[in-house]
Protein backbone atom coordinates (compact mmCIF):
# COMPACT_ATOMS: atom_id res chain seq x y z
CA MET A 1 -84.91 58.56 -104.97
CA ALA A 2 -87.01 55.39 -106.02
CA GLU A 3 -86.13 56.02 -109.80
CA ARG A 4 -82.36 56.91 -109.46
CA LEU A 5 -81.98 53.63 -107.22
CA GLY A 6 -83.58 51.71 -109.62
CA GLU A 7 -81.40 52.41 -112.33
CA ARG A 8 -78.21 51.88 -110.25
CA THR A 9 -79.35 48.16 -108.61
CA GLY A 10 -81.57 46.91 -111.60
CA TYR A 11 -83.89 46.66 -108.65
CA ARG A 12 -87.46 47.53 -109.92
CA PHE A 13 -88.81 50.20 -107.04
CA HIS A 14 -92.44 51.21 -106.51
CA LEU A 15 -93.16 54.17 -105.03
CA VAL A 16 -95.69 54.55 -102.33
CA THR A 17 -96.64 58.04 -100.67
CA ASP A 18 -99.92 57.71 -98.80
CA PRO A 19 -100.69 55.44 -96.29
CA GLU A 20 -103.93 54.12 -97.66
CA SER A 21 -101.64 52.87 -100.34
CA LEU A 22 -99.84 50.72 -98.55
CA THR A 23 -102.04 47.52 -98.28
CA GLU A 24 -101.64 43.95 -97.56
CA THR A 25 -103.34 43.18 -101.15
CA PHE A 26 -100.95 45.97 -102.96
CA LEU A 27 -97.72 43.79 -101.55
CA GLN A 28 -99.52 40.34 -102.21
CA GLN A 29 -99.30 41.76 -105.93
CA ILE A 30 -95.52 42.70 -105.94
CA GLN A 31 -94.52 40.65 -103.46
CA PRO A 32 -91.27 42.62 -102.37
CA ARG A 33 -87.89 41.67 -100.89
CA TYR A 34 -87.66 44.62 -98.48
CA VAL A 35 -90.24 47.48 -97.93
CA PHE A 36 -87.72 50.54 -97.44
CA PHE A 37 -89.28 53.82 -95.31
CA PRO A 38 -87.24 56.64 -95.95
CA HIS A 39 -89.52 58.88 -94.58
CA TRP A 40 -92.68 57.91 -93.13
CA SER A 41 -94.88 59.64 -90.40
CA SER A 42 -97.85 57.21 -90.08
CA VAL A 43 -98.36 53.53 -87.98
CA ILE A 44 -97.19 50.67 -90.21
CA PRO A 45 -99.55 48.38 -89.36
CA PRO A 46 -98.87 44.84 -88.01
CA ALA A 47 -99.96 42.88 -91.06
CA ILE A 48 -97.33 44.73 -93.23
CA HIS A 49 -94.13 44.39 -90.62
CA GLU A 50 -94.95 40.70 -89.57
CA ASN A 51 -95.33 39.76 -92.82
CA TYR A 52 -92.69 41.84 -95.03
CA GLU A 53 -89.52 42.93 -94.23
CA CYS A 54 -89.74 46.26 -93.38
CA VAL A 55 -86.80 48.68 -93.26
CA ILE A 56 -87.14 52.01 -91.41
CA PHE A 57 -84.44 55.01 -90.84
CA HIS A 58 -84.06 56.84 -87.74
CA MET A 59 -82.10 59.86 -87.18
CA THR A 60 -80.31 58.56 -84.10
CA ASP A 61 -77.72 56.47 -83.15
CA LEU A 62 -80.05 53.27 -81.64
CA PRO A 63 -80.97 52.70 -79.09
CA TYR A 64 -80.70 55.99 -77.83
CA GLY A 65 -83.07 58.21 -79.06
CA ARG A 66 -86.40 56.18 -79.35
CA GLY A 67 -89.26 58.15 -80.05
CA GLY A 68 -90.55 61.16 -81.89
CA SER A 69 -88.94 64.21 -82.86
CA PRO A 70 -85.42 63.05 -83.49
CA LEU A 71 -83.97 65.99 -84.89
CA GLN A 72 -85.00 68.51 -82.68
CA ASN A 73 -84.12 66.58 -79.31
CA LEU A 74 -80.83 66.47 -80.83
CA ILE A 75 -80.09 69.34 -81.58
CA GLN A 76 -81.62 70.52 -77.92
CA ARG A 77 -79.30 68.43 -76.28
CA GLY A 78 -76.61 70.05 -77.94
CA HIS A 79 -75.48 67.42 -80.42
CA THR A 80 -73.68 68.32 -83.75
CA THR A 81 -73.63 65.04 -85.40
CA THR A 82 -75.48 62.23 -85.10
CA GLN A 83 -75.95 58.22 -86.79
CA ILE A 84 -78.91 57.45 -89.32
CA SER A 85 -79.73 53.94 -87.97
CA ALA A 86 -81.79 51.54 -90.49
CA LEU A 87 -83.33 48.97 -88.33
CA ARG A 88 -86.34 46.47 -88.86
CA CYS A 89 -89.39 47.83 -88.06
CA VAL A 90 -90.90 45.40 -84.89
CA ALA A 91 -94.33 45.88 -82.65
CA ALA A 92 -92.42 48.01 -80.40
CA LEU A 93 -91.35 51.68 -81.54
CA ASP A 94 -87.51 51.82 -82.72
CA ALA A 95 -86.46 48.76 -81.33
CA GLY A 96 -85.75 46.08 -84.12
CA PRO A 97 -82.65 44.96 -84.86
CA ILE A 98 -80.04 46.70 -87.05
CA TYR A 99 -79.21 46.64 -90.51
CA LEU A 100 -76.15 49.40 -90.41
CA LYS A 101 -75.68 52.59 -89.12
CA ARG A 102 -74.31 56.05 -91.26
CA PRO A 103 -72.92 59.04 -89.50
CA LEU A 104 -74.90 62.16 -90.19
CA SER A 105 -74.09 66.12 -89.84
CA LEU A 106 -76.71 68.40 -87.87
CA GLU A 107 -75.13 71.38 -89.24
CA GLY A 108 -78.05 73.86 -90.99
CA ALA A 109 -81.69 74.26 -91.08
CA ALA A 110 -83.85 71.42 -90.37
CA SER A 111 -84.58 71.48 -94.57
CA GLU A 112 -81.02 71.29 -95.33
CA ILE A 113 -80.57 68.24 -92.71
CA PHE A 114 -83.32 66.16 -94.19
CA LEU A 115 -82.21 66.58 -97.93
CA ARG A 116 -78.65 65.77 -96.18
CA ALA A 117 -80.22 62.72 -94.47
CA ALA A 118 -82.35 61.76 -97.61
CA GLY A 119 -79.00 61.08 -99.67
CA VAL A 120 -77.21 59.13 -96.78
CA ILE A 121 -80.13 56.90 -96.91
CA GLU A 122 -80.40 56.55 -100.34
CA GLU A 123 -76.52 55.03 -100.39
CA MET A 124 -77.81 53.23 -97.32
CA ILE A 125 -80.98 51.34 -99.46
CA GLU A 126 -78.22 50.37 -102.13
CA THR A 127 -76.01 48.71 -99.33
CA ILE A 128 -78.56 46.67 -98.08
CA LEU A 129 -79.68 45.70 -100.95
CA ARG A 130 -76.24 44.91 -102.58
CA ASP A 131 -74.86 43.26 -99.04
CA GLN A 132 -78.25 41.86 -97.41
CA PRO A 133 -76.65 42.29 -93.90
CA ALA A 134 -78.50 40.26 -91.62
CA PRO A 135 -79.76 42.81 -88.71
CA ALA A 136 -78.27 43.00 -85.14
CA PRO A 137 -80.20 43.06 -81.67
CA GLN A 138 -79.44 46.70 -80.76
CA GLN A 139 -76.65 47.15 -78.11
CA GLY A 140 -77.09 49.46 -74.84
CA GLU A 141 -79.34 51.00 -72.31
CA PRO A 142 -82.42 52.55 -74.64
CA VAL A 143 -82.88 56.59 -74.22
CA THR A 144 -86.56 57.04 -75.38
CA PHE A 145 -87.50 60.98 -77.01
CA GLN A 146 -90.78 62.60 -76.80
CA ARG A 147 -92.73 63.73 -79.73
CA ARG A 148 -92.80 67.33 -80.09
CA LYS A 149 -95.90 69.22 -79.50
CA PRO A 150 -97.42 72.60 -81.97
CA GLU A 151 -97.00 74.54 -78.51
CA GLU A 152 -93.48 73.71 -77.64
CA SER A 153 -92.49 76.33 -80.69
CA ASP A 154 -93.84 79.01 -78.94
CA LEU A 155 -90.03 80.94 -78.56
CA ALA A 156 -91.60 82.68 -75.17
CA LYS A 157 -91.79 79.40 -73.74
CA ALA A 158 -88.34 77.73 -74.75
CA PRO A 159 -85.30 76.93 -72.52
CA VAL A 160 -83.61 79.47 -74.46
CA ALA A 161 -80.77 81.52 -72.56
CA THR A 162 -77.87 82.44 -75.59
CA LEU A 163 -77.79 83.79 -78.65
CA ASN A 164 -76.93 79.96 -79.69
CA ASP A 165 -79.91 78.71 -77.98
CA PHE A 166 -82.29 80.87 -79.97
CA PHE A 167 -80.16 79.91 -83.11
CA ASP A 168 -80.65 76.15 -82.47
CA PHE A 169 -84.32 76.49 -81.64
CA ILE A 170 -85.09 78.43 -84.49
CA ARG A 171 -83.13 76.57 -87.17
CA MET A 172 -84.09 72.70 -85.93
CA LEU A 173 -87.69 73.67 -86.44
CA ASP A 174 -87.06 75.65 -90.42
CA ALA A 175 -88.73 72.53 -92.23
CA GLU A 176 -91.79 71.58 -94.07
CA GLY A 177 -94.48 69.78 -91.52
CA TYR A 178 -93.12 71.81 -88.48
CA PRO A 179 -94.49 74.60 -86.92
CA HIS A 180 -91.97 77.24 -87.17
CA ALA A 181 -90.76 78.95 -84.06
CA PHE A 182 -93.27 81.54 -83.08
CA LEU A 183 -94.10 84.29 -80.89
CA ASP A 184 -97.90 85.29 -80.36
CA MET A 185 -98.68 88.85 -79.43
CA LYS A 186 -101.54 91.45 -79.82
CA GLY A 187 -103.86 88.90 -81.83
CA HIS A 188 -101.00 87.99 -84.08
CA ARG A 189 -98.23 85.50 -84.85
CA ILE A 190 -94.82 85.97 -85.92
CA GLU A 191 -92.70 82.95 -87.32
CA LEU A 192 -89.53 82.43 -87.54
CA SER A 193 -87.33 80.82 -90.24
CA ARG A 194 -84.02 81.51 -92.50
CA VAL A 195 -81.52 82.41 -89.66
CA GLN A 196 -77.88 83.06 -89.72
CA LYS A 197 -75.74 83.70 -87.01
CA GLU A 198 -73.40 86.68 -86.84
CA THR A 199 -70.93 87.83 -84.83
CA ASP A 200 -73.40 89.47 -82.35
CA ARG A 201 -76.71 88.94 -83.22
CA LEU A 202 -78.77 86.77 -85.52
CA VAL A 203 -80.74 87.49 -88.82
CA GLY A 204 -83.28 85.83 -90.65
CA THR A 205 -86.77 85.68 -92.36
CA PHE A 206 -90.19 86.37 -90.28
CA VAL A 207 -94.00 86.13 -91.36
CA ILE A 208 -96.64 87.91 -89.44
CA SER A 209 -100.34 86.80 -89.74
CA ARG A 210 -103.83 87.35 -87.86
CA GLN A 211 -104.09 84.98 -84.83
CA ASP A 212 -108.09 83.56 -85.02
CA HIS A 213 -108.80 82.69 -81.71
CA LEU A 214 -111.62 79.78 -80.62
CA PRO A 215 -114.20 81.32 -78.55
CA VAL A 216 -113.88 80.93 -74.71
CA ASP A 217 -117.35 81.77 -73.40
CA GLU A 218 -117.55 79.33 -70.53
CA GLU A 219 -121.27 79.24 -70.34
CA ALA A 220 -122.14 79.02 -73.89
CA GLY A 221 -118.92 78.80 -76.05
CA VAL A 222 -116.73 75.55 -76.74
CA LYS A 223 -115.34 75.19 -73.83
CA ALA A 224 -118.47 74.95 -71.91
CA LEU A 225 -119.58 72.48 -74.67
CA LEU A 226 -116.69 70.37 -74.26
CA ASP A 227 -116.66 70.08 -70.54
CA ARG A 228 -120.34 69.20 -71.38
CA CYS A 229 -119.35 66.01 -73.68
CA TYR A 230 -116.28 65.28 -71.37
CA PRO A 231 -116.98 65.98 -67.67
CA ALA A 232 -114.45 63.55 -66.37
CA PRO A 233 -111.18 64.57 -65.91
CA PRO A 234 -108.81 65.75 -66.94
CA ARG A 235 -111.40 67.90 -68.48
CA ASP A 236 -108.54 69.29 -71.06
CA VAL A 237 -110.29 68.78 -74.20
CA PHE A 238 -110.35 72.18 -74.98
CA ASP A 239 -107.19 72.94 -73.78
CA ARG A 240 -105.51 70.71 -76.15
CA LEU A 241 -107.86 71.70 -79.11
CA GLN A 242 -106.14 75.14 -78.29
CA GLN A 243 -103.11 74.37 -78.59
CA LEU A 244 -103.66 72.49 -81.62
CA TYR A 245 -105.60 74.88 -83.25
CA ARG A 246 -103.82 77.06 -86.09
CA PRO A 247 -104.79 79.52 -88.84
CA GLY A 248 -106.77 77.76 -91.46
CA ASP A 249 -107.93 74.95 -89.78
CA PRO A 250 -111.44 73.77 -91.15
CA VAL A 251 -112.99 73.80 -87.51
CA TYR A 252 -117.14 73.64 -87.65
CA THR A 253 -120.21 74.47 -85.21
CA VAL A 254 -123.62 73.55 -85.18
CA GLU A 255 -125.92 75.35 -83.10
CA ILE A 256 -129.61 74.78 -82.25
CA ASN A 257 -132.15 77.22 -80.79
CA ARG A 258 -128.56 79.27 -79.99
CA ASP A 259 -127.35 76.74 -78.27
CA LEU A 260 -123.76 74.81 -79.17
CA ALA A 261 -124.55 71.89 -79.98
CA GLY A 262 -121.63 70.55 -81.59
CA ILE A 263 -117.69 71.04 -83.22
CA VAL A 264 -115.15 69.40 -85.54
CA HIS A 265 -111.79 70.61 -85.62
CA CYS A 266 -109.30 69.15 -88.06
CA ALA A 267 -105.85 69.45 -88.22
CA ARG A 268 -104.21 70.31 -91.70
CA HIS A 269 -100.69 69.49 -92.82
CA SER A 270 -99.23 68.83 -96.40
CA LYS A 271 -100.79 65.48 -97.23
CA GLY A 272 -104.02 66.22 -96.03
CA GLY A 273 -105.24 66.35 -91.99
CA HIS A 274 -105.65 64.36 -88.62
CA LEU A 275 -109.44 64.92 -87.25
CA GLU A 276 -108.37 65.89 -83.61
CA THR A 277 -112.17 66.85 -81.92
CA LEU A 278 -115.41 65.79 -82.64
CA ALA A 279 -118.25 66.49 -79.91
CA VAL A 280 -121.86 66.36 -79.96
CA ASP A 281 -124.14 68.09 -77.49
CA PRO A 282 -125.36 64.81 -75.05
CA ALA A 283 -128.48 66.53 -74.86
CA TYR A 284 -128.58 66.99 -79.41
CA ARG A 285 -127.03 63.05 -79.90
CA GLY A 286 -128.98 61.11 -82.14
CA VAL A 287 -130.53 63.16 -84.92
CA GLY A 288 -127.38 62.77 -87.17
CA LEU A 289 -124.97 66.34 -86.16
CA ALA A 290 -121.81 64.03 -85.92
CA ASP A 291 -122.55 62.84 -89.36
CA ASP A 292 -123.18 66.42 -90.94
CA LEU A 293 -120.14 68.04 -88.81
CA VAL A 294 -117.82 65.08 -89.90
CA ASN A 295 -119.18 65.21 -93.70
CA THR A 296 -118.67 69.08 -93.87
CA LEU A 297 -115.35 68.81 -92.54
CA LEU A 298 -114.35 65.79 -95.10
CA ALA A 299 -115.94 67.93 -98.21
CA ASP A 300 -113.52 70.53 -97.15
CA THR A 301 -110.51 69.08 -96.83
CA GLY A 302 -108.27 67.63 -99.37
CA GLY A 303 -105.64 65.00 -99.13
CA VAL A 304 -105.79 62.26 -96.28
CA VAL A 305 -107.72 62.65 -93.29
CA SER A 306 -106.53 60.44 -89.99
CA LEU A 307 -108.03 60.11 -86.47
CA THR A 308 -107.37 58.08 -83.51
CA THR A 309 -111.27 56.85 -81.87
CA ARG A 310 -112.97 54.71 -79.51
CA ILE A 311 -116.01 54.41 -82.13
CA PRO A 312 -114.23 52.79 -85.41
CA ALA A 313 -117.74 51.86 -86.55
CA PHE A 314 -119.14 55.49 -86.40
CA PHE A 315 -116.07 56.36 -88.93
CA GLU A 316 -116.39 53.03 -91.37
CA ARG A 317 -119.43 54.53 -92.12
CA HIS A 318 -117.42 57.76 -93.63
CA GLN A 319 -115.44 55.76 -95.65
CA PHE A 320 -112.51 55.35 -93.06
CA THR A 321 -110.38 52.31 -92.35
CA PRO A 322 -108.85 51.10 -89.33
CA ALA A 323 -104.96 51.01 -89.82
CA ALA A 324 -103.88 50.03 -86.60
CA THR A 325 -104.88 49.17 -82.87
CA LEU A 326 -102.77 51.39 -80.15
CA ASN A 327 -101.71 50.19 -76.78
CA ASP A 328 -104.52 52.41 -74.78
CA GLY A 329 -107.11 50.14 -76.97
CA SER A 330 -108.37 53.36 -79.78
CA VAL A 331 -108.05 52.35 -83.42
CA TYR A 332 -106.14 54.50 -85.84
CA MET A 333 -107.83 54.90 -88.97
CA ILE A 334 -107.45 56.95 -92.49
CA ARG A 335 -109.78 58.12 -95.38
CA PRO A 336 -108.46 58.35 -98.45
CA ALA A 337 -107.98 61.81 -100.30
CA SER A 338 -111.45 62.93 -100.78
CA ASP A 339 -112.42 63.68 -105.05
CA VAL A 340 -114.45 66.90 -103.47
CA ALA A 341 -112.67 69.30 -101.43
CA SER A 342 -113.37 73.45 -101.31
CA SER A 343 -111.45 75.74 -99.64
CA GLU A 344 -114.38 78.56 -99.47
CA ASN A 345 -116.44 76.57 -96.80
CA SER A 346 -114.13 77.31 -93.85
CA HIS A 347 -115.21 78.93 -91.04
């Protein structure tokens, strides 16, 4: 896209694909007229969107559909078409003024829709560069979507009743970066994709894989450890770990005298991973177990690693850089791709 737009418009485009590369220093060097975000899943730091004209693209007719997972929310609400909104990035989520909108069909699998959207966004960028429209405030009452969680791809728990409901549910999750619609049974996971609707049935592709499980021992297992580390209500850390865990995610534990003393878990994705859980038993803190767990995890995880924490100073020792402070006071941090990665050490 960047190459085509450069050829057609005469502007010089700089392509940034990793959050750690989008820095104030880099932008100061190139002094861009616009910073376009045709597809971006990371927080844009205030120092970036406050000092540069950042244009983001959202797959709804804003202010309807602010928030996460717009495609899935639209399909589940029965929409067959939508608008792609080009808006200026501001501190509030998807609340900035609108440059322009363009229609988009929601027919087909999620991967097809995203490819179609990319073509529309390319045309929108060219229009913005040519006409340089002034963005106008959003009009109407906002409707906010909730970002989908991985466990919501469970077909057994999905709000489906008709054949068309099944069709929409499977196709809306059929794209890279989204957990496919799945069914868990007898220690295995069945993932469904490439669905086609025929007269009285659906035909598609399925993949069956062994579904690993984390230990659930109430007294000596992971749940007991996390309950000791997080004793205050709602005490749901273990439940969230179970929901986020997928086969192949690196999970490391450390034992001392047969006691489970620490754990770290990273939810992998196509760009690297997000460190979801790090816990060390209070009885064993202060001897470097957390450092050992994080170092082992980073050595095994290629790509960018991100996390959200209330102890940023600890993670700065491991080359994580603060990217944004969230509303609850926690800090979103990013660590660049590691030069050392091994898939042979996962256990």
